[in-house]
C-alpha atoms as a PDB file:
ATOM      1  CA  MET A   1     -89.832   5.965  11.977  1.00  0.00           C
ATOM      2  CA  LEU A   2     -91.851   3.777  14.566  1.00  0.00           C
ATOM      3  CA  MET A   3     -91.834   0.064  14.629  1.00  0.00           C
ATOM      4  CA  ILE A   4     -94.886  -1.936  15.996  1.00  0.00           C
ATOM      5  CA  GLY A   5     -94.792  -5.694  16.199  1.00  0.00           C
ATOM      6  CA  GLY A   6     -92.778  -5.894  12.877  1.00  0.00           C
ATOM      7  CA  VAL A   7     -94.689  -2.927  11.213  1.00  0.00           C
ATOM      8  CA  CYS A   8     -92.805   0.242  10.325  1.00  0.00           C
ATOM      9  CA  ILE A   9     -94.723   3.428  10.505  1.00  0.00           C
ATOM     10  CA  VAL A  10     -93.288   5.329   7.445  1.00  0.00           C
ATOM     11  CA  GLY A  11     -95.674   8.137   6.687  1.00  0.00           C
ATOM     12  CA  GLY A  12     -96.928  11.430   8.210  1.00  0.00           C
ATOM     13  CA  ASP A  13     -97.783  14.927   7.302  1.00  0.00           C
ATOM     14  CA  HIS A  14     -95.822  15.240   4.037  1.00  0.00           C
ATOM     15  CA  ASP A  15     -96.205  14.799   0.334  1.00  0.00           C
ATOM     16  CA  GLY A  16     -96.064  10.808  -0.190  1.00  0.00           C
ATOM     17  CA  PRO A  17     -94.575   8.020   1.717  1.00  0.00           C
ATOM     18  CA  TRP A  18     -91.121   7.706   3.405  1.00  0.00           C
ATOM     19  CA  PHE A  19     -88.977   4.782   1.923  1.00  0.00           C
ATOM     20  CA  LEU A  20     -86.726   3.177   4.503  1.00  0.00           C
ATOM     21  CA  PRO A  21     -84.302   0.305   4.003  1.00  0.00           C
ATOM     22  CA  GLY A  22     -85.731  -3.129   5.010  1.00  0.00           C
ATOM     23  CA  ILE A  23     -89.403  -2.245   3.921  1.00  0.00           C
ATOM     24  CA  LEU A  24     -91.256  -4.705   1.841  1.00  0.00           C
ATOM     25  CA  VAL A  25     -92.530  -3.054  -1.162  1.00  0.00           C
ATOM     26  CA  ASN A  26     -94.175  -3.693  -4.732  1.00  0.00           C
ATOM     27  CA  VAL A  27     -92.313  -2.336  -7.772  1.00  0.00           C
ATOM     28  CA  ARG A  28     -94.506  -1.618 -10.568  1.00  0.00           C
ATOM     29  CA  ARG A  29     -92.890  -0.655 -13.834  1.00  0.00           C
ATOM     30  CA  SER A  30     -94.735   0.194 -17.056  1.00  0.00           C
ATOM     31  CA  GLY A  31     -95.645  -2.686 -19.040  1.00  0.00           C
ATOM     32  CA  GLU A  32     -94.484  -5.206 -16.382  1.00  0.00           C
ATOM     33  CA  ALA A  33     -96.254  -7.316 -13.638  1.00  0.00           C
ATOM     34  CA  ALA A  34     -95.598  -5.944 -10.138  1.00  0.00           C
ATOM     35  CA  SER A  35     -92.590  -7.372  -8.472  1.00  0.00           C
ATOM     36  CA  LEU A  36     -92.194  -7.900  -4.676  1.00  0.00           C
ATOM     37  CA  GLY A  37     -88.970  -6.763  -3.212  1.00  0.00           C
ATOM     38  CA  VAL A  38     -87.161  -5.219  -0.258  1.00  0.00           C
ATOM     39  CA  ILE A  39     -85.677  -1.601  -0.015  1.00  0.00           C
ATOM     40  CA  ARG A  40     -81.931  -1.839   0.497  1.00  0.00           C
ATOM     41  CA  GLU A  41     -80.824   1.707   0.094  1.00  0.00           C
ATOM     42  CA  VAL A  42     -82.560   5.159  -0.318  1.00  0.00           C
ATOM     43  CA  LEU A  43     -80.801   7.438  -3.105  1.00  0.00           C
ATOM     44  CA  SER A  44     -80.465  11.140  -2.591  1.00  0.00           C
ATOM     45  CA  ASP A  45     -83.065  11.756  -5.637  1.00  0.00           C
ATOM     46  CA  GLY A  46     -85.507   9.638  -3.784  1.00  0.00           C
ATOM     47  CA  ALA A  47     -85.067   6.549  -5.933  1.00  0.00           C
ATOM     48  CA  CYS A  48     -84.371   3.257  -4.150  1.00  0.00           C
ATOM     49  CA  ARG A  49     -82.072   0.407  -4.702  1.00  0.00           C
ATOM     50  CA  VAL A  50     -84.383  -2.769  -4.239  1.00  0.00           C
ATOM     51  CA  ALA A  51     -83.649  -6.352  -3.946  1.00  0.00           C
ATOM     52  CA  LEU A  52     -86.443  -8.729  -5.626  1.00  0.00           C
ATOM     53  CA  GLY A  53     -88.020 -11.334  -3.650  1.00  0.00           C
ATOM     54  CA  ALA A  54     -90.014 -11.521  -0.462  1.00  0.00           C
ATOM     55  CA  SER A  55     -86.733 -12.040   1.548  1.00  0.00           C
ATOM     56  CA  GLY A  56     -84.503  -9.401  -0.472  1.00  0.00           C
ATOM     57  CA  ASN A  57     -82.291 -12.155  -1.964  1.00  0.00           C
ATOM     58  CA  GLY A  58     -82.907 -11.587  -5.654  1.00  0.00           C
ATOM     59  CA  GLU A  59     -81.700  -9.262  -8.451  1.00  0.00           C
ATOM     60  CA  LEU A  60     -80.932  -5.900  -7.322  1.00  0.00           C
ATOM     61  CA  ILE A  61     -82.649  -2.794  -9.299  1.00  0.00           C
ATOM     62  CA  THR A  62     -83.112   0.665  -9.049  1.00  0.00           C
ATOM     63  CA  ALA A  63     -86.717   2.005  -8.973  1.00  0.00           C
ATOM     64  CA  SER A  64     -87.888   5.640  -8.795  1.00  0.00           C
ATOM     65  CA  HIS A  65     -90.025   6.608  -5.998  1.00  0.00           C
ATOM     66  CA  ASN A  66     -93.301   6.552  -8.265  1.00  0.00           C
ATOM     67  CA  GLU A  67     -92.536   2.798  -9.058  1.00  0.00           C
ATOM     68  CA  ILE A  68     -92.623   1.802  -5.613  1.00  0.00           C
ATOM     69  CA  GLU A  69     -95.752   1.025  -3.507  1.00  0.00           C
ATOM     70  CA  LEU A  70     -95.337  -0.123   0.334  1.00  0.00           C
ATOM     71  CA  VAL A  71     -96.768  -3.352   1.300  1.00  0.00           C
ATOM     72  CA  MET A  72     -99.276  -2.494   3.941  1.00  0.00           C
ATOM     73  CA  PRO A  73    -100.015  -4.891   6.873  1.00  0.00           C
ATOM     74  CA  ARG A  74    -103.313  -6.836   6.449  1.00  0.00           C
ATOM     75  CA  LYS A  75    -106.021  -5.892   8.893  1.00  0.00           C
ATOM     76  CA  ALA A  76    -105.861  -9.225  10.543  1.00  0.00           C
ATOM     77  CA  GLU A  77    -102.554  -8.025  11.944  1.00  0.00           C
ATOM     78  CA  LYS A  78    -104.257  -5.558  14.205  1.00  0.00           C
ATOM     79  CA  ILE A  79    -101.868  -2.529  14.421  1.00  0.00           C
ATOM     80  CA  VAL A  80    -102.479  -0.376  17.808  1.00  0.00           C
ATOM     81  CA  LYS A  81    -100.037   1.713  19.436  1.00  0.00           C
ATOM     82  CA  VAL A  82    -100.203   2.479  23.232  1.00  0.00           C
ATOM     83  CA  ASP A  83     -98.072   5.425  24.094  1.00  0.00           C
ATOM     84  CA  ASP A  84     -96.387   6.398  27.366  1.00  0.00           C
ATOM     85  CA  THR A  85     -99.681   7.686  28.859  1.00  0.00           C
ATOM     86  CA  LEU A  86    -101.121   4.122  28.070  1.00  0.00           C
ATOM     87  CA  ASP A  87    -103.736   5.855  25.579  1.00  0.00           C
ATOM     88  CA  VAL A  88    -104.566   3.525  22.778  1.00  0.00           C
ATOM     89  CA  LYS A  89    -104.429   4.741  19.289  1.00  0.00           C
ATOM     90  CA  ILE A  90    -105.521   3.167  16.400  1.00  0.00           C
ATOM     91  CA  LEU A  91    -103.193   3.798  13.346  1.00  0.00           C
ATOM     92  CA  ASP A  92    -104.198   4.620   9.911  1.00  0.00           C
ATOM     93  CA  MET A  93    -103.188   1.794   7.626  1.00  0.00           C
ATOM     94  CA  VAL A  94    -101.951   4.179   4.879  1.00  0.00           C
ATOM     95  CA  ILE A  95     -99.085   5.328   7.069  1.00  0.00           C
ATOM     96  CA  LEU A  96     -97.768   1.826   7.759  1.00  0.00           C
ATOM     97  CA  ALA A  97     -95.679  -0.683   5.871  1.00  0.00           C
ATOM     98  CA  ASN A  98     -94.344  -4.183   6.490  1.00  0.00           C
ATOM     99  CA  VAL A  99     -90.891  -4.822   7.544  1.00  0.00           C
ATOM    100  CA  ALA A 100     -89.085  -7.693   5.639  1.00  0.00           C
ATOM    101  CA  HIS A 101     -87.753 -10.740   7.329  1.00  0.00           C
ATOM    102  CA  LEU A 102     -84.370 -10.899   5.885  1.00  0.00           C
ATOM    103  CA  SER A 103     -82.574 -14.132   5.685  1.00  0.00           C
END
């Protein structure tokens, strides 16, 4: 995991995203509207305990990995990584997710 200016890099060279506690997500269940929430816990089977609401203060639900979508940063947030050699790298938006601002 890599944090850059409040944004967490959660993907990589594997099958699907990595879910981590504190990440802002949309939960999409069949027949229901999407709900914004914050991952509180990742279970051993890949499902997540998600607290609903932008700050994660709502109802706690369990959602399977295929019901969860990462909330990616907006393009205006200008995510750029500078490594220890001071080389600038533009990061692919599909491997980024917003970190929730918990209260």
